[in-house]
Amino acid sequence: MVPDLARARAYALDRLSHELSPRLTYHSFGHTRDDVLPAALRLAAAAGISGEAQLLLETAALYHDLGFVVQRDDHERVSIALAEAVLPGFGYTPGQREVIRDLINATRLPQTPRSFLAEILTDADLDVLGRADYWPRSDDLRAEWAAYGVRYTDHEWYQSQVDFLTSQHYFTPMARALRNAQKQVNLAGLVAELAGLDGRA
C-alpha cells in the first residue's frame, strides 16, 4: 500500500497552522510550508530523486518541526514521536517511518546526516543562509530568541551569525552550487556590520 501523503501533509500543516506559538517568528508555519519543504523538493528534483524516496523526504520535511507545537527545546525528539504516532494511520510502514525518523533527527544542530536524503533535508533546513532574504529571516530568529528570554546585543548577534555561517557547510553539491555564493555575500555583510559596530565603539 502506498502511504497517503496527502492526508499526512494535511495533518502536519493543520497542526502547524493552528498550534504554533506566535512567539515562533522564525520556526513558523511558513518556515515548513514555504521554506524547507520547497527547498527539499527542489534539491531532490535536481538530484533526480522521485518515487518513494521523494515521498519520505517530503513527509520528513513536513514533520521535522512539528514538535514545536508541544515544546521548543528538543523539538526534534517530539517531532519524531508525533510522526511515529500518526503516520501508521496514513499507511506508512515501519521501515518507512524509520527513514523519516532518521531524516528528522539529522536536522538537529549540529547536523549529522547519515544518508543522501538526510543531507538534502539538512541543506533545505538551512537553505535561507544562502538566500537574499537571509537578513529579514535572521531578524525573525533573533526576535524568536528574545521572545523566549534570550537577548543579544547587536555585537553578540552579528558575531554569533558570523560564527554560524562560517562553521556551516552544505552537504549536497546541488545546495553548494545554488547557495554558497549568496551565503558568502551574507557572511561578508555580517562581517561589515561587526566592523561598523567596532568602529563606533
N, C-alpha and C. Protein backbone atom coordinates (compact mmCIF):
# COMPACT_ATOMS: atom_id res chain seq x y z
N MET A 1 0.84 -1.21 0.00
CA MET A 1 0.00 0.00 0.00
C MET A 1 0.87 1.25 0.00
N VAL A 2 0.53 2.19 -0.84
CA VAL A 2 1.28 3.45 -0.90
C VAL A 2 0.79 4.37 0.22
N PRO A 3 1.71 4.96 0.99
CA PRO A 3 1.28 5.87 2.05
C PRO A 3 0.44 7.02 1.50
N ASP A 4 -0.47 7.48 2.32
CA ASP A 4 -1.36 8.58 1.93
C ASP A 4 -0.69 9.90 2.29
N LEU A 5 0.17 10.37 1.38
CA LEU A 5 0.92 11.59 1.62
C LEU A 5 0.00 12.79 1.77
N ALA A 6 -1.08 12.82 1.02
CA ALA A 6 -1.99 13.97 1.09
C ALA A 6 -2.56 14.13 2.49
N ARG A 7 -2.96 13.03 3.12
CA ARG A 7 -3.50 13.11 4.47
C ARG A 7 -2.41 13.42 5.48
N ALA A 8 -1.24 12.84 5.29
CA ALA A 8 -0.12 13.13 6.19
C ALA A 8 0.26 14.60 6.10
N ARG A 9 0.26 15.14 4.90
CA ARG A 9 0.57 16.57 4.70
C ARG A 9 -0.49 17.44 5.37
N ALA A 10 -1.75 17.12 5.15
CA ALA A 10 -2.83 17.92 5.71
C ALA A 10 -2.77 17.93 7.23
N TYR A 11 -2.47 16.79 7.82
CA TYR A 11 -2.39 16.70 9.29
C TYR A 11 -1.29 17.61 9.82
N ALA A 12 -0.09 17.50 9.24
CA ALA A 12 1.03 18.30 9.73
C ALA A 12 0.78 19.79 9.55
N LEU A 13 0.32 20.19 8.37
CA LEU A 13 0.12 21.60 8.11
C LEU A 13 -1.02 22.18 8.95
N ASP A 14 -2.05 21.37 9.20
CA ASP A 14 -3.14 21.85 10.04
C ASP A 14 -2.65 22.13 11.46
N ARG A 15 -1.87 21.21 12.01
CA ARG A 15 -1.37 21.43 13.37
C ARG A 15 -0.40 22.61 13.41
N LEU A 16 0.47 22.71 12.42
CA LEU A 16 1.42 23.83 12.39
C LEU A 16 0.69 25.17 12.26
N SER A 17 -0.35 25.20 11.47
CA SER A 17 -1.05 26.47 11.23
C SER A 17 -1.89 26.91 12.43
N HIS A 18 -2.31 25.97 13.26
CA HIS A 18 -3.20 26.31 14.37
C HIS A 18 -2.57 26.26 15.75
N GLU A 19 -1.47 25.52 15.91
CA GLU A 19 -0.98 25.25 17.26
C GLU A 19 0.37 25.88 17.59
N LEU A 20 1.08 26.41 16.62
CA LEU A 20 2.37 27.03 16.91
C LEU A 20 2.18 28.34 17.68
N SER A 21 3.06 28.60 18.62
CA SER A 21 3.03 29.86 19.35
C SER A 21 3.35 31.02 18.41
N PRO A 22 2.66 32.15 18.54
CA PRO A 22 3.02 33.32 17.74
C PRO A 22 4.40 33.86 18.05
N ARG A 23 4.97 33.43 19.17
CA ARG A 23 6.34 33.84 19.50
C ARG A 23 7.37 33.17 18.60
N LEU A 24 6.96 32.12 17.91
CA LEU A 24 7.87 31.42 16.99
C LEU A 24 7.90 32.16 15.66
N THR A 25 8.59 33.26 15.63
CA THR A 25 8.62 34.10 14.44
C THR A 25 9.52 33.54 13.34
N TYR A 26 10.44 32.68 13.71
CA TYR A 26 11.29 32.01 12.71
C TYR A 26 10.77 30.60 12.42
N HIS A 27 10.62 29.80 13.47
CA HIS A 27 10.14 28.43 13.30
C HIS A 27 8.61 28.44 13.20
N SER A 28 8.15 29.10 12.18
CA SER A 28 6.73 29.36 11.99
C SER A 28 6.14 28.35 10.99
N PHE A 29 4.84 28.48 10.76
CA PHE A 29 4.17 27.69 9.73
C PHE A 29 4.85 27.87 8.39
N GLY A 30 5.18 29.12 8.07
CA GLY A 30 5.82 29.40 6.79
C GLY A 30 7.19 28.79 6.65
N HIS A 31 7.91 28.62 7.76
CA HIS A 31 9.24 28.00 7.69
C HIS A 31 9.14 26.60 7.11
N THR A 32 8.13 25.85 7.52
CA THR A 32 7.96 24.50 6.99
C THR A 32 7.36 24.52 5.60
N ARG A 33 6.22 25.21 5.43
CA ARG A 33 5.48 25.13 4.17
C ARG A 33 6.16 25.87 3.03
N ASP A 34 6.71 27.05 3.32
CA ASP A 34 7.19 27.93 2.25
C ASP A 34 8.71 27.95 2.12
N ASP A 35 9.41 27.33 3.05
CA ASP A 35 10.86 27.41 3.05
C ASP A 35 11.48 26.02 2.92
N VAL A 36 11.37 25.22 3.97
CA VAL A 36 12.07 23.93 4.00
C VAL A 36 11.49 22.95 2.99
N LEU A 37 10.17 22.83 2.93
CA LEU A 37 9.56 21.87 2.02
C LEU A 37 9.90 22.16 0.55
N PRO A 38 9.71 23.39 0.06
CA PRO A 38 10.08 23.65 -1.34
C PRO A 38 11.58 23.46 -1.59
N ALA A 39 12.41 23.84 -0.63
CA ALA A 39 13.85 23.67 -0.80
C ALA A 39 14.21 22.20 -0.92
N ALA A 40 13.61 21.37 -0.07
CA ALA A 40 13.89 19.94 -0.11
C ALA A 40 13.47 19.34 -1.45
N LEU A 41 12.29 19.71 -1.93
CA LEU A 41 11.80 19.17 -3.19
C LEU A 41 12.63 19.68 -4.37
N ARG A 42 13.09 20.91 -4.29
CA ARG A 42 13.95 21.45 -5.35
C ARG A 42 15.27 20.70 -5.42
N LEU A 43 15.88 20.44 -4.27
CA LEU A 43 17.14 19.70 -4.24
C LEU A 43 16.94 18.26 -4.69
N ALA A 44 15.83 17.67 -4.29
CA ALA A 44 15.55 16.30 -4.70
C ALA A 44 15.38 16.21 -6.21
N ALA A 45 14.67 17.17 -6.79
CA ALA A 45 14.48 17.17 -8.24
C ALA A 45 15.80 17.32 -8.96
N ALA A 46 16.67 18.19 -8.42
CA ALA A 46 17.98 18.39 -9.04
C ALA A 46 18.83 17.13 -8.98
N ALA A 47 18.59 16.31 -7.97
CA ALA A 47 19.35 15.07 -7.81
C ALA A 47 18.68 13.88 -8.50
N GLY A 48 17.52 14.11 -9.12
CA GLY A 48 16.83 13.03 -9.80
C GLY A 48 16.11 12.07 -8.87
N ILE A 49 15.78 12.53 -7.67
CA ILE A 49 15.09 11.68 -6.69
C ILE A 49 13.59 11.77 -6.90
N SER A 50 12.94 10.62 -6.92
CA SER A 50 11.50 10.58 -7.13
C SER A 50 10.93 9.37 -6.40
N GLY A 51 9.68 9.09 -6.62
CA GLY A 51 9.06 7.90 -6.07
C GLY A 51 9.03 7.88 -4.56
N GLU A 52 9.29 6.69 -3.98
CA GLU A 52 9.20 6.53 -2.54
C GLU A 52 10.18 7.42 -1.80
N ALA A 53 11.39 7.57 -2.33
CA ALA A 53 12.39 8.40 -1.66
C ALA A 53 11.90 9.84 -1.54
N GLN A 54 11.32 10.35 -2.62
CA GLN A 54 10.80 11.72 -2.58
C GLN A 54 9.64 11.82 -1.59
N LEU A 55 8.79 10.81 -1.56
CA LEU A 55 7.65 10.81 -0.64
C LEU A 55 8.13 10.85 0.82
N LEU A 56 9.14 10.06 1.13
CA LEU A 56 9.64 10.03 2.51
C LEU A 56 10.33 11.34 2.87
N LEU A 57 11.07 11.91 1.91
CA LEU A 57 11.71 13.20 2.14
C LEU A 57 10.67 14.28 2.38
N GLU A 58 9.63 14.31 1.57
CA GLU A 58 8.58 15.31 1.73
C GLU A 58 7.89 15.16 3.07
N THR A 59 7.63 13.93 3.48
CA THR A 59 6.99 13.69 4.77
C THR A 59 7.87 14.19 5.91
N ALA A 60 9.15 13.87 5.84
CA ALA A 60 10.07 14.31 6.89
C ALA A 60 10.16 15.83 6.94
N ALA A 61 10.16 16.48 5.79
CA ALA A 61 10.19 17.94 5.77
C ALA A 61 8.94 18.52 6.43
N LEU A 62 7.81 17.92 6.18
CA LEU A 62 6.55 18.40 6.77
C LEU A 62 6.52 18.22 8.28
N TYR A 63 7.16 17.17 8.78
CA TYR A 63 7.08 16.83 10.20
C TYR A 63 8.32 17.26 10.99
N HIS A 64 9.35 17.79 10.33
CA HIS A 64 10.63 17.98 11.03
C HIS A 64 10.54 18.97 12.19
N ASP A 65 9.64 19.94 12.11
CA ASP A 65 9.48 20.91 13.20
C ASP A 65 8.12 20.82 13.88
N LEU A 66 7.40 19.73 13.66
CA LEU A 66 6.07 19.61 14.26
C LEU A 66 6.15 19.61 15.79
N GLY A 67 7.26 19.17 16.33
CA GLY A 67 7.42 19.15 17.78
C GLY A 67 7.30 20.52 18.43
N PHE A 68 7.49 21.57 17.65
CA PHE A 68 7.33 22.92 18.20
C PHE A 68 5.91 23.19 18.69
N VAL A 69 4.94 22.42 18.24
CA VAL A 69 3.57 22.63 18.75
C VAL A 69 3.48 22.20 20.21
N VAL A 70 4.45 21.42 20.68
CA VAL A 70 4.47 20.94 22.06
C VAL A 70 5.51 21.68 22.89
N GLN A 71 6.73 21.78 22.36
CA GLN A 71 7.80 22.42 23.12
C GLN A 71 8.90 22.86 22.16
N ARG A 72 9.68 23.83 22.62
CA ARG A 72 10.75 24.37 21.80
C ARG A 72 12.05 23.59 21.98
N ASP A 73 12.40 23.28 23.21
CA ASP A 73 13.63 22.54 23.48
C ASP A 73 13.45 21.08 23.05
N ASP A 74 14.49 20.55 22.41
CA ASP A 74 14.48 19.14 21.99
C ASP A 74 13.26 18.83 21.13
N HIS A 75 12.89 19.80 20.29
CA HIS A 75 11.68 19.62 19.50
C HIS A 75 11.80 18.49 18.49
N GLU A 76 13.03 18.17 18.07
CA GLU A 76 13.20 17.08 17.10
C GLU A 76 12.68 15.76 17.67
N ARG A 77 12.99 15.51 18.94
CA ARG A 77 12.53 14.27 19.58
C ARG A 77 11.00 14.21 19.58
N VAL A 78 10.36 15.34 19.86
CA VAL A 78 8.90 15.38 19.88
C VAL A 78 8.35 15.25 18.46
N SER A 79 9.01 15.87 17.50
CA SER A 79 8.58 15.73 16.10
C SER A 79 8.58 14.26 15.69
N ILE A 80 9.62 13.54 16.06
CA ILE A 80 9.71 12.12 15.73
C ILE A 80 8.59 11.35 16.42
N ALA A 81 8.34 11.65 17.69
CA ALA A 81 7.28 10.95 18.43
C ALA A 81 5.91 11.20 17.80
N LEU A 82 5.65 12.44 17.39
CA LEU A 82 4.37 12.76 16.76
C LEU A 82 4.23 12.04 15.43
N ALA A 83 5.32 12.01 14.65
CA ALA A 83 5.28 11.29 13.37
C ALA A 83 5.02 9.80 13.60
N GLU A 84 5.71 9.23 14.58
CA GLU A 84 5.52 7.81 14.88
C GLU A 84 4.08 7.51 15.30
N ALA A 85 3.46 8.47 15.96
CA ALA A 85 2.10 8.25 16.46
C ALA A 85 1.05 8.27 15.36
N VAL A 86 1.25 9.12 14.35
CA VAL A 86 0.18 9.31 13.37
C VAL A 86 0.44 8.67 12.01
N LEU A 87 1.70 8.50 11.62
CA LEU A 87 1.97 8.02 10.26
C LEU A 87 1.49 6.59 10.00
N PRO A 88 1.46 5.70 11.00
CA PRO A 88 0.87 4.38 10.71
C PRO A 88 -0.57 4.48 10.20
N GLY A 89 -1.31 5.44 10.71
CA GLY A 89 -2.68 5.63 10.27
C GLY A 89 -2.80 6.13 8.85
N PHE A 90 -1.70 6.63 8.32
CA PHE A 90 -1.68 7.10 6.93
C PHE A 90 -0.99 6.09 6.01
N GLY A 91 -0.75 4.88 6.54
CA GLY A 91 -0.24 3.81 5.70
C GLY A 91 1.27 3.71 5.59
N TYR A 92 2.00 4.38 6.45
CA TYR A 92 3.46 4.31 6.41
C TYR A 92 3.92 3.05 7.15
N THR A 93 4.82 2.30 6.53
CA THR A 93 5.32 1.06 7.12
C THR A 93 6.39 1.37 8.17
N PRO A 94 6.71 0.37 9.02
CA PRO A 94 7.79 0.59 10.00
C PRO A 94 9.10 1.01 9.34
N GLY A 95 9.45 0.40 8.21
CA GLY A 95 10.68 0.77 7.53
C GLY A 95 10.66 2.20 7.02
N GLN A 96 9.54 2.61 6.49
CA GLN A 96 9.42 3.99 6.02
C GLN A 96 9.49 4.98 7.18
N ARG A 97 8.87 4.63 8.28
CA ARG A 97 8.92 5.52 9.45
C ARG A 97 10.34 5.61 10.02
N GLU A 98 11.09 4.54 9.91
CA GLU A 98 12.48 4.57 10.38
C GLU A 98 13.30 5.56 9.55
N VAL A 99 13.09 5.56 8.24
CA VAL A 99 13.77 6.52 7.38
C VAL A 99 13.39 7.94 7.77
N ILE A 100 12.11 8.18 7.96
CA ILE A 100 11.63 9.52 8.33
C ILE A 100 12.22 9.95 9.67
N ARG A 101 12.27 9.02 10.61
CA ARG A 101 12.87 9.33 11.92
C ARG A 101 14.32 9.76 11.77
N ASP A 102 15.08 9.04 10.94
CA ASP A 102 16.49 9.40 10.73
C ASP A 102 16.63 10.75 10.04
N LEU A 103 15.73 11.04 9.12
CA LEU A 103 15.79 12.32 8.41
C LEU A 103 15.52 13.48 9.37
N ILE A 104 14.49 13.35 10.18
CA ILE A 104 14.18 14.42 11.14
C ILE A 104 15.31 14.59 12.13
N ASN A 105 15.85 13.49 12.63
CA ASN A 105 16.92 13.56 13.62
C ASN A 105 18.16 14.24 13.06
N ALA A 106 18.38 14.12 11.75
CA ALA A 106 19.55 14.73 11.13
C ALA A 106 19.51 16.25 11.16
N THR A 107 18.32 16.83 11.32
CA THR A 107 18.21 18.30 11.32
C THR A 107 18.61 18.90 12.66
N ARG A 108 18.82 18.06 13.65
CA ARG A 108 19.25 18.54 14.97
C ARG A 108 20.65 19.16 14.83
N LEU A 109 20.83 20.34 15.44
CA LEU A 109 22.14 21.00 15.38
C LEU A 109 23.07 20.47 16.45
N PRO A 110 24.33 20.20 16.15
CA PRO A 110 24.94 20.24 14.82
C PRO A 110 24.41 19.11 13.93
N GLN A 111 24.18 19.44 12.68
CA GLN A 111 23.56 18.49 11.77
C GLN A 111 24.45 17.26 11.55
N THR A 112 23.79 16.09 11.53
CA THR A 112 24.54 14.84 11.37
C THR A 112 23.82 13.92 10.38
N PRO A 113 23.75 14.30 9.11
CA PRO A 113 23.06 13.44 8.15
C PRO A 113 23.84 12.15 7.90
N ARG A 114 23.10 11.03 7.83
CA ARG A 114 23.73 9.73 7.62
C ARG A 114 23.35 9.10 6.29
N SER A 115 22.66 9.87 5.45
CA SER A 115 22.27 9.39 4.13
C SER A 115 22.16 10.59 3.20
N PHE A 116 22.07 10.30 1.91
CA PHE A 116 21.93 11.40 0.95
C PHE A 116 20.61 12.12 1.15
N LEU A 117 19.54 11.39 1.43
CA LEU A 117 18.26 12.04 1.70
C LEU A 117 18.36 12.96 2.92
N ALA A 118 19.06 12.50 3.95
CA ALA A 118 19.24 13.33 5.14
C ALA A 118 20.06 14.57 4.83
N GLU A 119 21.05 14.43 3.96
CA GLU A 119 21.83 15.60 3.54
C GLU A 119 20.93 16.62 2.85
N ILE A 120 20.01 16.15 2.02
CA ILE A 120 19.09 17.05 1.33
C ILE A 120 18.23 17.80 2.35
N LEU A 121 17.68 17.09 3.33
CA LEU A 121 16.80 17.76 4.29
C LEU A 121 17.58 18.74 5.17
N THR A 122 18.77 18.38 5.58
CA THR A 122 19.55 19.32 6.39
C THR A 122 19.92 20.56 5.59
N ASP A 123 20.25 20.38 4.33
CA ASP A 123 20.55 21.54 3.49
C ASP A 123 19.30 22.40 3.29
N ALA A 124 18.17 21.76 3.12
CA ALA A 124 16.92 22.51 2.95
C ALA A 124 16.58 23.29 4.21
N ASP A 125 16.85 22.71 5.37
CA ASP A 125 16.52 23.36 6.64
C ASP A 125 17.31 24.65 6.83
N LEU A 126 18.51 24.71 6.25
CA LEU A 126 19.35 25.92 6.36
C LEU A 126 19.52 26.61 5.01
N ASP A 127 18.59 26.34 4.11
CA ASP A 127 18.63 26.95 2.78
C ASP A 127 18.73 28.47 2.86
N VAL A 128 18.07 29.07 3.84
CA VAL A 128 17.99 30.53 3.95
C VAL A 128 19.35 31.18 4.14
N LEU A 129 20.32 30.45 4.65
CA LEU A 129 21.64 31.06 4.86
C LEU A 129 22.26 31.53 3.55
N GLY A 130 21.84 30.91 2.46
CA GLY A 130 22.40 31.27 1.16
C GLY A 130 21.40 31.97 0.26
N ARG A 131 20.47 32.67 0.88
CA ARG A 131 19.48 33.41 0.09
C ARG A 131 19.53 34.89 0.42
N ALA A 132 18.99 35.70 -0.48
CA ALA A 132 18.98 37.15 -0.26
C ALA A 132 18.07 37.55 0.88
N ASP A 133 17.07 36.72 1.20
CA ASP A 133 16.18 37.06 2.32
C ASP A 133 16.73 36.55 3.66
N TYR A 134 18.01 36.23 3.68
CA TYR A 134 18.64 35.83 4.94
C TYR A 134 18.44 36.91 6.02
N TRP A 135 18.56 38.18 5.64
CA TRP A 135 18.55 39.25 6.64
C TRP A 135 17.23 39.37 7.38
N PRO A 136 16.08 39.47 6.70
CA PRO A 136 14.83 39.53 7.48
C PRO A 136 14.55 38.24 8.25
N ARG A 137 14.96 37.10 7.70
CA ARG A 137 14.75 35.85 8.42
C ARG A 137 15.67 35.78 9.65
N SER A 138 16.85 36.33 9.54
CA SER A 138 17.75 36.41 10.70
C SER A 138 17.12 37.28 11.78
N ASP A 139 16.50 38.38 11.37
CA ASP A 139 15.78 39.23 12.34
C ASP A 139 14.65 38.45 13.01
N ASP A 140 13.95 37.60 12.23
CA ASP A 140 12.88 36.78 12.81
C ASP A 140 13.43 35.82 13.86
N LEU A 141 14.60 35.24 13.57
CA LEU A 141 15.20 34.32 14.53
C LEU A 141 15.63 35.04 15.80
N ARG A 142 16.21 36.21 15.63
CA ARG A 142 16.62 37.00 16.80
C ARG A 142 15.41 37.37 17.65
N ALA A 143 14.32 37.75 17.00
CA ALA A 143 13.08 38.10 17.72
C ALA A 143 12.52 36.88 18.46
N GLU A 144 12.61 35.71 17.81
CA GLU A 144 12.13 34.50 18.46
C GLU A 144 12.94 34.19 19.72
N TRP A 145 14.26 34.28 19.61
CA TRP A 145 15.10 34.06 20.79
C TRP A 145 14.74 35.05 21.90
N ALA A 146 14.55 36.32 21.52
CA ALA A 146 14.21 37.34 22.53
C ALA A 146 12.88 37.04 23.19
N ALA A 147 11.92 36.54 22.41
CA ALA A 147 10.61 36.22 22.96
C ALA A 147 10.68 35.11 24.00
N TYR A 148 11.72 34.30 23.90
CA TYR A 148 11.92 33.21 24.87
C TYR A 148 13.01 33.57 25.89
N GLY A 149 13.34 34.85 25.99
CA GLY A 149 14.20 35.32 27.05
C GLY A 149 15.68 35.34 26.76
N VAL A 150 16.06 35.08 25.52
CA VAL A 150 17.49 35.10 25.16
C VAL A 150 17.73 36.32 24.29
N ARG A 151 18.35 37.32 24.87
CA ARG A 151 18.55 38.59 24.17
C ARG A 151 20.03 38.83 23.89
N TYR A 152 20.28 39.35 22.71
CA TYR A 152 21.64 39.61 22.25
C TYR A 152 21.83 41.11 22.03
N THR A 153 23.00 41.61 22.33
CA THR A 153 23.38 42.93 21.82
C THR A 153 23.61 42.78 20.32
N ASP A 154 23.66 43.90 19.61
CA ASP A 154 23.95 43.81 18.18
C ASP A 154 25.27 43.10 17.93
N HIS A 155 26.28 43.45 18.72
CA HIS A 155 27.59 42.84 18.52
C HIS A 155 27.52 41.33 18.76
N GLU A 156 26.85 40.92 19.82
CA GLU A 156 26.73 39.48 20.12
C GLU A 156 25.98 38.75 19.01
N TRP A 157 24.93 39.39 18.50
CA TRP A 157 24.14 38.73 17.46
C TRP A 157 24.95 38.55 16.18
N TYR A 158 25.56 39.64 15.71
CA TYR A 158 26.30 39.53 14.46
C TYR A 158 27.48 38.57 14.61
N GLN A 159 28.12 38.57 15.76
CA GLN A 159 29.23 37.63 15.96
C GLN A 159 28.73 36.19 15.96
N SER A 160 27.59 35.95 16.59
CA SER A 160 27.04 34.58 16.59
C SER A 160 26.70 34.13 15.18
N GLN A 161 26.19 35.05 14.37
CA GLN A 161 25.85 34.70 13.00
C GLN A 161 27.08 34.50 12.13
N VAL A 162 28.11 35.32 12.33
CA VAL A 162 29.38 35.09 11.63
C VAL A 162 29.91 33.70 11.97
N ASP A 163 29.90 33.37 13.24
CA ASP A 163 30.41 32.06 13.67
C ASP A 163 29.60 30.93 13.05
N PHE A 164 28.27 31.10 13.01
CA PHE A 164 27.42 30.03 12.49
C PHE A 164 27.60 29.85 10.99
N LEU A 165 27.58 30.95 10.24
CA LEU A 165 27.74 30.82 8.80
C LEU A 165 29.13 30.33 8.43
N THR A 166 30.12 30.69 9.23
CA THR A 166 31.48 30.23 8.95
C THR A 166 31.61 28.72 9.17
N SER A 167 30.96 28.22 10.20
CA SER A 167 31.09 26.79 10.52
C SER A 167 30.15 25.91 9.70
N GLN A 168 29.04 26.48 9.23
CA GLN A 168 28.06 25.69 8.47
C GLN A 168 28.56 25.39 7.07
N HIS A 169 28.26 24.19 6.58
CA HIS A 169 28.53 23.89 5.18
C HIS A 169 27.38 23.06 4.63
N TYR A 170 27.08 23.29 3.37
CA TYR A 170 26.06 22.49 2.70
C TYR A 170 26.65 21.14 2.32
N PHE A 171 25.86 20.10 2.50
CA PHE A 171 26.35 18.74 2.27
C PHE A 171 26.24 18.32 0.81
N THR A 172 25.18 18.76 0.13
CA THR A 172 24.95 18.28 -1.24
C THR A 172 25.57 19.24 -2.26
N PRO A 173 26.05 18.68 -3.37
CA PRO A 173 26.60 19.56 -4.41
C PRO A 173 25.55 20.51 -4.98
N MET A 174 24.27 20.08 -4.99
CA MET A 174 23.22 20.95 -5.52
C MET A 174 23.06 22.19 -4.65
N ALA A 175 23.05 22.00 -3.35
CA ALA A 175 22.90 23.15 -2.45
C ALA A 175 24.12 24.06 -2.51
N ARG A 176 25.29 23.46 -2.60
CA ARG A 176 26.50 24.30 -2.69
C ARG A 176 26.47 25.15 -3.96
N ALA A 177 26.07 24.54 -5.06
CA ALA A 177 26.01 25.29 -6.32
C ALA A 177 24.96 26.39 -6.27
N LEU A 178 23.87 26.11 -5.58
CA LEU A 178 22.75 27.05 -5.57
C LEU A 178 22.93 28.17 -4.54
N ARG A 179 23.56 27.86 -3.40
CA ARG A 179 23.51 28.78 -2.26
C ARG A 179 24.86 29.29 -1.76
N ASN A 180 25.96 28.66 -2.11
CA ASN A 180 27.22 29.08 -1.50
C ASN A 180 27.60 30.52 -1.83
N ALA A 181 27.36 30.95 -3.06
CA ALA A 181 27.78 32.29 -3.47
C ALA A 181 27.05 33.35 -2.64
N GLN A 182 25.72 33.24 -2.52
CA GLN A 182 24.98 34.22 -1.72
C GLN A 182 25.30 34.09 -0.24
N LYS A 183 25.61 32.89 0.20
CA LYS A 183 25.98 32.73 1.61
C LYS A 183 27.25 33.53 1.91
N GLN A 184 28.19 33.52 0.99
CA GLN A 184 29.40 34.30 1.18
C GLN A 184 29.12 35.80 1.17
N VAL A 185 28.16 36.23 0.35
CA VAL A 185 27.74 37.63 0.35
C VAL A 185 27.13 37.98 1.70
N ASN A 186 26.28 37.10 2.21
CA ASN A 186 25.66 37.34 3.51
C ASN A 186 26.70 37.38 4.62
N LEU A 187 27.66 36.48 4.56
CA LEU A 187 28.72 36.45 5.57
C LEU A 187 29.55 37.74 5.52
N ALA A 188 29.86 38.19 4.32
CA ALA A 188 30.61 39.44 4.19
C ALA A 188 29.82 40.61 4.77
N GLY A 189 28.51 40.59 4.57
CA GLY A 189 27.67 41.65 5.14
C GLY A 189 27.69 41.63 6.65
N LEU A 190 27.66 40.44 7.24
CA LEU A 190 27.74 40.31 8.70
C LEU A 190 29.07 40.83 9.23
N VAL A 191 30.14 40.48 8.55
CA VAL A 191 31.47 40.95 8.96
C VAL A 191 31.53 42.48 8.89
N ALA A 192 30.92 43.04 7.85
CA ALA A 192 30.91 44.50 7.71
C ALA A 192 30.10 45.15 8.83
N GLU A 193 28.98 44.54 9.20
CA GLU A 193 28.18 45.06 10.31
C GLU A 193 29.00 45.05 11.60
N LEU A 194 29.71 43.96 11.83
CA LEU A 194 30.56 43.88 13.03
C LEU A 194 31.64 44.94 13.01
N ALA A 195 32.26 45.12 11.86
CA ALA A 195 33.32 46.11 11.75
C ALA A 195 32.77 47.51 12.01
N GLY A 196 31.55 47.77 11.53
CA GLY A 196 30.95 49.06 11.79
C GLY A 196 30.67 49.30 13.25
N LEU A 197 30.22 48.25 13.94
CA LEU A 197 29.98 48.36 15.38
C LEU A 197 31.30 48.59 16.12
N ASP A 198 32.32 47.90 15.73
CA ASP A 198 33.62 48.04 16.38
C ASP A 198 34.18 49.44 16.14
N GLY A 199 33.89 49.98 14.96
CA GLY A 199 34.38 51.32 14.64
C GLY A 199 33.72 52.40 15.45
N ARG A 200 32.48 52.13 15.88
CA ARG A 200 31.74 53.12 16.69
C ARG A 200 32.03 52.97 18.17
N ALA A 201 32.68 51.87 18.53
CA ALA A 201 32.91 51.60 19.96
C ALA A 201 33.94 52.56 20.55
